[in-house]
Amino acid sequence: MPATQTSKEPIKLYTGSYCPYCRRVKNELDRLDLPYEPVNADADGREEVIRLSGQRAIPILTIGDEVLVDSTNIIRELRKRYE
């Protein structure tokens, strides 16, 4: 994996146990061997989800200060940056 500047930025995944789209993103992060911090949006992350994206939908992935929404878009961006 080529080292990029963004790979050094912290990654957070706002997720929920009931969310199949969140599992897709988790699987991709694991496949790419990227360290990330999971944030349970069901428990204490819901307000943060709304603040970041203006919506209640998850998953949301942050890479540093960048906010990505929608599992398909998140996975596409992860592959573009880290594959």
PDB file of N, CA and C in Angstrom:
ATOM      1  N   MET A   1       0.856  -1.190   0.000  1.00  0.00           N
ATOM      2  CA  MET A   1       0.000   0.000   0.000  1.00  0.00           C
ATOM      3  C   MET A   1       0.886   1.232   0.000  1.00  0.00           C
ATOM      4  N   PRO A   2       0.736   2.115  -0.966  1.00  0.00           N
ATOM      5  CA  PRO A   2       1.532   3.327  -0.983  1.00  0.00           C
ATOM      6  C   PRO A   2       1.116   4.249   0.155  1.00  0.00           C
ATOM      7  N   ALA A   3       2.099   4.825   0.811  1.00  0.00           N
ATOM      8  CA  ALA A   3       1.794   5.744   1.911  1.00  0.00           C
ATOM      9  C   ALA A   3       1.335   7.070   1.320  1.00  0.00           C
ATOM     10  N   THR A   4       0.222   7.537   1.798  1.00  0.00           N
ATOM     11  CA  THR A   4      -0.262   8.842   1.369  1.00  0.00           C
ATOM     12  C   THR A   4      -0.421   9.696   2.607  1.00  0.00           C
ATOM     13  N   GLN A   5      -0.512  10.977   2.402  1.00  0.00           N
ATOM     14  CA  GLN A   5      -0.658  11.879   3.536  1.00  0.00           C
ATOM     15  C   GLN A   5      -1.942  11.561   4.300  1.00  0.00           C
ATOM     16  N   THR A   6      -3.009  11.232   3.595  1.00  0.00           N
ATOM     17  CA  THR A   6      -4.282  10.983   4.261  1.00  0.00           C
ATOM     18  C   THR A   6      -4.255   9.713   5.094  1.00  0.00           C
ATOM     19  N   SER A   7      -3.356   8.773   4.805  1.00  0.00           N
ATOM     20  CA  SER A   7      -3.335   7.530   5.573  1.00  0.00           C
ATOM     21  C   SER A   7      -2.864   7.769   7.004  1.00  0.00           C
ATOM     22  N   LYS A   8      -2.223   8.905   7.265  1.00  0.00           N
ATOM     23  CA  LYS A   8      -1.778   9.227   8.607  1.00  0.00           C
ATOM     24  C   LYS A   8      -2.857   9.951   9.411  1.00  0.00           C
ATOM     25  N   GLU A   9      -3.899  10.377   8.752  1.00  0.00           N
ATOM     26  CA  GLU A   9      -4.977  11.078   9.435  1.00  0.00           C
ATOM     27  C   GLU A   9      -5.886  10.069  10.127  1.00  0.00           C
ATOM     28  N   PRO A  10      -6.406  10.435  11.307  1.00  0.00           N
ATOM     29  CA  PRO A  10      -7.272   9.495  12.023  1.00  0.00           C
ATOM     30  C   PRO A  10      -8.580   9.250  11.273  1.00  0.00           C
ATOM     31  N   ILE A  11      -9.009   7.999  11.291  1.00  0.00           N
ATOM     32  CA  ILE A  11     -10.256   7.599  10.637  1.00  0.00           C
ATOM     33  C   ILE A  11     -11.253   7.213  11.719  1.00  0.00           C
ATOM     34  N   LYS A  12     -12.466   7.755  11.621  1.00  0.00           N
ATOM     35  CA  LYS A  12     -13.554   7.382  12.532  1.00  0.00           C
ATOM     36  C   LYS A  12     -14.732   6.904  11.703  1.00  0.00           C
ATOM     37  N   LEU A  13     -15.355   5.840  12.163  1.00  0.00           N
ATOM     38  CA  LEU A  13     -16.549   5.309  11.507  1.00  0.00           C
ATOM     39  C   LEU A  13     -17.712   5.404  12.471  1.00  0.00           C
ATOM     40  N   TYR A  14     -18.696   6.217  12.120  1.00  0.00           N
ATOM     41  CA  TYR A  14     -19.927   6.332  12.909  1.00  0.00           C
ATOM     42  C   TYR A  14     -20.853   5.234  12.422  1.00  0.00           C
ATOM     43  N   THR A  15     -21.202   4.324  13.316  1.00  0.00           N
ATOM     44  CA  THR A  15     -21.819   3.070  12.923  1.00  0.00           C
ATOM     45  C   THR A  15     -22.921   2.676  13.897  1.00  0.00           C
ATOM     46  N   GLY A  16     -23.664   1.644  13.534  1.00  0.00           N
ATOM     47  CA  GLY A  16     -24.686   1.073  14.398  1.00  0.00           C
ATOM     48  C   GLY A  16     -24.740  -0.427  14.197  1.00  0.00           C
ATOM     49  N   SER A  17     -25.084  -1.139  15.238  1.00  0.00           N
ATOM     50  CA  SER A  17     -25.067  -2.602  15.172  1.00  0.00           C
ATOM     51  C   SER A  17     -26.105  -3.151  14.199  1.00  0.00           C
ATOM     52  N   TYR A  18     -27.157  -2.416  13.932  1.00  0.00           N
ATOM     53  CA  TYR A  18     -28.257  -2.878  13.077  1.00  0.00           C
ATOM     54  C   TYR A  18     -28.010  -2.576  11.595  1.00  0.00           C
ATOM     55  N   CYS A  19     -26.916  -1.888  11.274  1.00  0.00           N
ATOM     56  CA  CYS A  19     -26.749  -1.261   9.961  1.00  0.00           C
ATOM     57  C   CYS A  19     -25.920  -2.123   9.011  1.00  0.00           C
ATOM     58  N   PRO A  20     -26.548  -2.726   7.970  1.00  0.00           N
ATOM     59  CA  PRO A  20     -25.785  -3.546   7.022  1.00  0.00           C
ATOM     60  C   PRO A  20     -24.795  -2.715   6.200  1.00  0.00           C
ATOM     61  N   TYR A  21     -25.107  -1.462   5.932  1.00  0.00           N
ATOM     62  CA  TYR A  21     -24.204  -0.596   5.175  1.00  0.00           C
ATOM     63  C   TYR A  21     -22.951  -0.295   5.987  1.00  0.00           C
ATOM     64  N   CYS A  22     -23.113  -0.182   7.306  1.00  0.00           N
ATOM     65  CA  CYS A  22     -21.958   0.027   8.188  1.00  0.00           C
ATOM     66  C   CYS A  22     -21.042  -1.188   8.148  1.00  0.00           C
ATOM     67  N   ARG A  23     -21.627  -2.379   8.119  1.00  0.00           N
ATOM     68  CA  ARG A  23     -20.817  -3.609   8.044  1.00  0.00           C
ATOM     69  C   ARG A  23     -20.013  -3.656   6.750  1.00  0.00           C
ATOM     70  N   ARG A  24     -20.600  -3.191   5.657  1.00  0.00           N
ATOM     71  CA  ARG A  24     -19.870  -3.148   4.383  1.00  0.00           C
ATOM     72  C   ARG A  24     -18.632  -2.266   4.507  1.00  0.00           C
ATOM     73  N   VAL A  25     -18.803  -1.102   5.126  1.00  0.00           N
ATOM     74  CA  VAL A  25     -17.676  -0.180   5.275  1.00  0.00           C
ATOM     75  C   VAL A  25     -16.632  -0.770   6.228  1.00  0.00           C
ATOM     76  N   LYS A  26     -17.080  -1.383   7.330  1.00  0.00           N
ATOM     77  CA  LYS A  26     -16.143  -2.031   8.272  1.00  0.00           C
ATOM     78  C   LYS A  26     -15.336  -3.109   7.553  1.00  0.00           C
ATOM     79  N   ASN A  27     -16.007  -3.917   6.753  1.00  0.00           N
ATOM     80  CA  ASN A  27     -15.320  -4.978   6.010  1.00  0.00           C
ATOM     81  C   ASN A  27     -14.261  -4.403   5.075  1.00  0.00           C
ATOM     82  N   GLU A  28     -14.568  -3.290   4.437  1.00  0.00           N
ATOM     83  CA  GLU A  28     -13.609  -2.666   3.527  1.00  0.00           C
ATOM     84  C   GLU A  28     -12.421  -2.094   4.295  1.00  0.00           C
ATOM     85  N   LEU A  29     -12.669  -1.455   5.425  1.00  0.00           N
ATOM     86  CA  LEU A  29     -11.579  -0.933   6.256  1.00  0.00           C
ATOM     87  C   LEU A  29     -10.662  -2.072   6.706  1.00  0.00           C
ATOM     88  N   ASP A  30     -11.260  -3.197   7.105  1.00  0.00           N
ATOM     89  CA  ASP A  30     -10.471  -4.363   7.525  1.00  0.00           C
ATOM     90  C   ASP A  30      -9.685  -4.937   6.353  1.00  0.00           C
ATOM     91  N   ARG A  31     -10.328  -5.023   5.191  1.00  0.00           N
ATOM     92  CA  ARG A  31      -9.659  -5.570   4.005  1.00  0.00           C
ATOM     93  C   ARG A  31      -8.439  -4.734   3.633  1.00  0.00           C
ATOM     94  N   LEU A  32      -8.571  -3.417   3.769  1.00  0.00           N
ATOM     95  CA  LEU A  32      -7.475  -2.509   3.444  1.00  0.00           C
ATOM     96  C   LEU A  32      -6.495  -2.363   4.610  1.00  0.00           C
ATOM     97  N   ASP A  33      -6.798  -3.031   5.713  1.00  0.00           N
ATOM     98  CA  ASP A  33      -5.948  -3.011   6.907  1.00  0.00           C
ATOM     99  C   ASP A  33      -5.732  -1.583   7.417  1.00  0.00           C
ATOM    100  N   LEU A  34      -6.823  -0.815   7.444  1.00  0.00           N
ATOM    101  CA  LEU A  34      -6.759   0.568   7.917  1.00  0.00           C
ATOM    102  C   LEU A  34      -7.243   0.640   9.363  1.00  0.00           C
ATOM    103  N   PRO A  35      -6.461   1.242  10.238  1.00  0.00           N
ATOM    104  CA  PRO A  35      -6.925   1.417  11.616  1.00  0.00           C
ATOM    105  C   PRO A  35      -8.002   2.507  11.662  1.00  0.00           C
ATOM    106  N   TYR A  36      -9.034   2.281  12.460  1.00  0.00           N
ATOM    107  CA  TYR A  36     -10.100   3.273  12.584  1.00  0.00           C
ATOM    108  C   TYR A  36     -10.718   3.172  13.967  1.00  0.00           C
ATOM    109  N   GLU A  37     -11.372   4.248  14.351  1.00  0.00           N
ATOM    110  CA  GLU A  37     -12.076   4.290  15.627  1.00  0.00           C
ATOM    111  C   GLU A  37     -13.576   4.165  15.359  1.00  0.00           C
ATOM    112  N   PRO A  38     -14.203   3.085  15.826  1.00  0.00           N
ATOM    113  CA  PRO A  38     -15.656   2.986  15.663  1.00  0.00           C
ATOM    114  C   PRO A  38     -16.362   3.845  16.703  1.00  0.00           C
ATOM    115  N   VAL A  39     -17.380   4.569  16.279  1.00  0.00           N
ATOM    116  CA  VAL A  39     -18.197   5.376  17.183  1.00  0.00           C
ATOM    117  C   VAL A  39     -19.619   4.859  17.074  1.00  0.00           C
ATOM    118  N   ASN A  40     -20.169   4.398  18.195  1.00  0.00           N
ATOM    119  CA  ASN A  40     -21.516   3.848  18.201  1.00  0.00           C
ATOM    120  C   ASN A  40     -22.521   4.989  18.114  1.00  0.00           C
ATOM    121  N   ALA A  41     -23.106   5.163  16.941  1.00  0.00           N
ATOM    122  CA  ALA A  41     -24.060   6.248  16.734  1.00  0.00           C
ATOM    123  C   ALA A  41     -25.357   6.002  17.490  1.00  0.00           C
ATOM    124  N   ASP A  42     -25.643   4.745  17.833  1.00  0.00           N
ATOM    125  CA  ASP A  42     -26.856   4.441  18.589  1.00  0.00           C
ATOM    126  C   ASP A  42     -26.749   4.958  20.022  1.00  0.00           C
ATOM    127  N   ALA A  43     -25.569   4.822  20.605  1.00  0.00           N
ATOM    128  CA  ALA A  43     -25.384   5.152  22.019  1.00  0.00           C
ATOM    129  C   ALA A  43     -25.158   6.644  22.214  1.00  0.00           C
ATOM    130  N   ASP A  44     -23.945   7.101  21.894  1.00  0.00           N
ATOM    131  CA  ASP A  44     -23.628   8.488  22.202  1.00  0.00           C
ATOM    132  C   ASP A  44     -23.191   9.296  20.991  1.00  0.00           C
ATOM    133  N   GLY A  45     -23.248   8.722  19.819  1.00  0.00           N
ATOM    134  CA  GLY A  45     -22.760   9.440  18.639  1.00  0.00           C
ATOM    135  C   GLY A  45     -23.827  10.086  17.780  1.00  0.00           C
ATOM    136  N   ARG A  46     -25.098   9.956  18.137  1.00  0.00           N
ATOM    137  CA  ARG A  46     -26.165  10.458  17.252  1.00  0.00           C
ATOM    138  C   ARG A  46     -26.083  11.966  17.046  1.00  0.00           C
ATOM    139  N   GLU A  47     -25.826  12.717  18.112  1.00  0.00           N
ATOM    140  CA  GLU A  47     -25.728  14.175  17.957  1.00  0.00           C
ATOM    141  C   GLU A  47     -24.546  14.538  17.060  1.00  0.00           C
ATOM    142  N   GLU A  48     -23.460  13.806  17.208  1.00  0.00           N
ATOM    143  CA  GLU A  48     -22.273  14.050  16.387  1.00  0.00           C
ATOM    144  C   GLU A  48     -22.559  13.736  14.920  1.00  0.00           C
ATOM    145  N   VAL A  49     -23.307  12.667  14.655  1.00  0.00           N
ATOM    146  CA  VAL A  49     -23.696  12.312  13.284  1.00  0.00           C
ATOM    147  C   VAL A  49     -24.466  13.460  12.647  1.00  0.00           C
ATOM    148  N   ILE A  50     -25.425  13.993  13.373  1.00  0.00           N
ATOM    149  CA  ILE A  50     -26.239  15.093  12.836  1.00  0.00           C
ATOM    150  C   ILE A  50     -25.371  16.333  12.622  1.00  0.00           C
ATOM    151  N   ARG A  51     -24.471  16.600  13.566  1.00  0.00           N
ATOM    152  CA  ARG A  51     -23.594  17.768  13.439  1.00  0.00           C
ATOM    153  C   ARG A  51     -22.675  17.627  12.216  1.00  0.00           C
ATOM    154  N   LEU A  52     -22.141  16.438  11.993  1.00  0.00           N
ATOM    155  CA  LEU A  52     -21.207  16.225  10.884  1.00  0.00           C
ATOM    156  C   LEU A  52     -21.885  16.287   9.528  1.00  0.00           C
ATOM    157  N   SER A  53     -23.051  15.655   9.413  1.00  0.00           N
ATOM    158  CA  SER A  53     -23.633  15.475   8.079  1.00  0.00           C
ATOM    159  C   SER A  53     -24.962  16.188   7.874  1.00  0.00           C
ATOM    160  N   GLY A  54     -25.565  16.675   8.954  1.00  0.00           N
ATOM    161  CA  GLY A  54     -26.874  17.303   8.820  1.00  0.00           C
ATOM    162  C   GLY A  54     -27.993  16.293   8.636  1.00  0.00           C
ATOM    163  N   GLN A  55     -27.703  15.029   8.864  1.00  0.00           N
ATOM    164  CA  GLN A  55     -28.714  13.976   8.715  1.00  0.00           C
ATOM    165  C   GLN A  55     -28.495  12.906   9.767  1.00  0.00           C
ATOM    166  N   ARG A  56     -29.456  11.999   9.882  1.00  0.00           N
ATOM    167  CA  ARG A  56     -29.358  10.925  10.860  1.00  0.00           C
ATOM    168  C   ARG A  56     -28.747   9.653  10.278  1.00  0.00           C
ATOM    169  N   ALA A  57     -28.605   9.607   8.969  1.00  0.00           N
ATOM    170  CA  ALA A  57     -28.166   8.382   8.295  1.00  0.00           C
ATOM    171  C   ALA A  57     -26.728   8.036   8.637  1.00  0.00           C
ATOM    172  N   ILE A  58     -26.489   6.740   8.813  1.00  0.00           N
ATOM    173  CA  ILE A  58     -25.135   6.219   8.971  1.00  0.00           C
ATOM    174  C   ILE A  58     -24.946   5.147   7.904  1.00  0.00           C
ATOM    175  N   PRO A  59     -23.758   4.776   7.534  1.00  0.00           N
ATOM    176  CA  PRO A  59     -22.484   5.151   8.131  1.00  0.00           C
ATOM    177  C   PRO A  59     -22.005   6.526   7.675  1.00  0.00           C
ATOM    178  N   ILE A  60     -21.182   7.104   8.539  1.00  0.00           N
ATOM    179  CA  ILE A  60     -20.421   8.306   8.212  1.00  0.00           C
ATOM    180  C   ILE A  60     -18.976   7.982   8.543  1.00  0.00           C
ATOM    181  N   LEU A  61     -18.083   8.328   7.646  1.00  0.00           N
ATOM    182  CA  LEU A  61     -16.662   8.108   7.877  1.00  0.00           C
ATOM    183  C   LEU A  61     -15.973   9.464   7.851  1.00  0.00           C
ATOM    184  N   THR A  62     -15.119   9.687   8.843  1.00  0.00           N
ATOM    185  CA  THR A  62     -14.305  10.890   8.807  1.00  0.00           C
ATOM    186  C   THR A  62     -12.847  10.480   8.650  1.00  0.00           C
ATOM    187  N   ILE A  63     -12.158  11.197   7.785  1.00  0.00           N
ATOM    188  CA  ILE A  63     -10.714  11.042   7.608  1.00  0.00           C
ATOM    189  C   ILE A  63     -10.142  12.421   7.909  1.00  0.00           C
ATOM    190  N   GLY A  64      -9.543  12.557   9.082  1.00  0.00           N
ATOM    191  CA  GLY A  64      -9.132  13.884   9.531  1.00  0.00           C
ATOM    192  C   GLY A  64     -10.373  14.749   9.670  1.00  0.00           C
ATOM    193  N   ASP A  65     -10.394  15.873   8.978  1.00  0.00           N
ATOM    194  CA  ASP A  65     -11.544  16.791   9.034  1.00  0.00           C
ATOM    195  C   ASP A  65     -12.548  16.549   7.919  1.00  0.00           C
ATOM    196  N   GLU A  66     -12.256  15.617   7.023  1.00  0.00           N
ATOM    197  CA  GLU A  66     -13.135  15.343   5.883  1.00  0.00           C
ATOM    198  C   GLU A  66     -14.252  14.388   6.295  1.00  0.00           C
ATOM    199  N   VAL A  67     -15.477  14.681   5.870  1.00  0.00           N
ATOM    200  CA  VAL A  67     -16.642  13.864   6.213  1.00  0.00           C
ATOM    201  C   VAL A  67     -17.165  13.198   4.947  1.00  0.00           C
ATOM    202  N   LEU A  68     -17.292  11.849   4.997  1.00  0.00           N
ATOM    203  CA  LEU A  68     -17.824  11.087   3.867  1.00  0.00           C
ATOM    204  C   LEU A  68     -19.110  10.404   4.303  1.00  0.00           C
ATOM    205  N   VAL A  69     -20.125  10.428   3.449  1.00  0.00           N
ATOM    206  CA  VAL A  69     -21.396   9.773   3.744  1.00  0.00           C
ATOM    207  C   VAL A  69     -21.741   8.799   2.629  1.00  0.00           C
ATOM    208  N   ASP A  70     -22.639   7.876   2.919  1.00  0.00           N
ATOM    209  CA  ASP A  70     -23.131   6.860   1.983  1.00  0.00           C
ATOM    210  C   ASP A  70     -22.068   5.775   1.772  1.00  0.00           C
ATOM    211  N   SER A  71     -22.437   4.544   2.108  1.00  0.00           N
ATOM    212  CA  SER A  71     -21.463   3.446   2.088  1.00  0.00           C
ATOM    213  C   SER A  71     -20.796   3.261   0.727  1.00  0.00           C
ATOM    214  N   THR A  72     -21.535   3.398  -0.349  1.00  0.00           N
ATOM    215  CA  THR A  72     -20.953   3.229  -1.681  1.00  0.00           C
ATOM    216  C   THR A  72     -19.890   4.292  -1.942  1.00  0.00           C
ATOM    217  N   ASN A  73     -20.199   5.527  -1.595  1.00  0.00           N
ATOM    218  CA  ASN A  73     -19.232   6.609  -1.785  1.00  0.00           C
ATOM    219  C   ASN A  73     -18.025   6.436  -0.868  1.00  0.00           C
ATOM    220  N   ILE A  74     -18.265   6.009   0.373  1.00  0.00           N
ATOM    221  CA  ILE A  74     -17.172   5.803   1.323  1.00  0.00           C
ATOM    222  C   ILE A  74     -16.216   4.738   0.792  1.00  0.00           C
ATOM    223  N   ILE A  75     -16.756   3.594   0.371  1.00  0.00           N
ATOM    224  CA  ILE A  75     -15.924   2.493  -0.116  1.00  0.00           C
ATOM    225  C   ILE A  75     -15.158   2.914  -1.369  1.00  0.00           C
ATOM    226  N   ARG A  76     -15.807   3.619  -2.264  1.00  0.00           N
ATOM    227  CA  ARG A  76     -15.143   4.096  -3.489  1.00  0.00           C
ATOM    228  C   ARG A  76     -13.958   4.995  -3.116  1.00  0.00           C
ATOM    229  N   GLU A  77     -14.160   5.892  -2.174  1.00  0.00           N
ATOM    230  CA  GLU A  77     -13.099   6.809  -1.768  1.00  0.00           C
ATOM    231  C   GLU A  77     -11.958   6.075  -1.059  1.00  0.00           C
ATOM    232  N   LEU A  78     -12.289   5.111  -0.209  1.00  0.00           N
ATOM    233  CA  LEU A  78     -11.248   4.318   0.471  1.00  0.00           C
ATOM    234  C   LEU A  78     -10.389   3.582  -0.537  1.00  0.00           C
ATOM    235  N   ARG A  79     -11.011   2.981  -1.536  1.00  0.00           N
ATOM    236  CA  ARG A  79     -10.264   2.241  -2.561  1.00  0.00           C
ATOM    237  C   ARG A  79      -9.384   3.180  -3.378  1.00  0.00           C
ATOM    238  N   LYS A  80      -9.906   4.340  -3.698  1.00  0.00           N
ATOM    239  CA  LYS A  80      -9.154   5.311  -4.493  1.00  0.00           C
ATOM    240  C   LYS A  80      -7.903   5.761  -3.715  1.00  0.00           C
ATOM    241  N   ARG A  81      -8.043   5.961  -2.421  1.00  0.00           N
ATOM    242  CA  ARG A  81      -6.930   6.488  -1.627  1.00  0.00           C
ATOM    243  C   ARG A  81      -5.938   5.421  -1.171  1.00  0.00           C
ATOM    244  N   TYR A  82      -6.412   4.234  -0.850  1.00  0.00           N
ATOM    245  CA  TYR A  82      -5.580   3.301  -0.100  1.00  0.00           C
ATOM    246  C   TYR A  82      -5.265   1.982  -0.817  1.00  0.00           C
ATOM    247  N   GLU A  83      -5.861   1.726  -1.976  1.00  0.00           N
ATOM    248  CA  GLU A  83      -5.544   0.475  -2.684  1.00  0.00           C
ATOM    249  C   GLU A  83      -4.301   0.617  -3.496  1.00  0.00           C
TER     250      GLU A  83
END
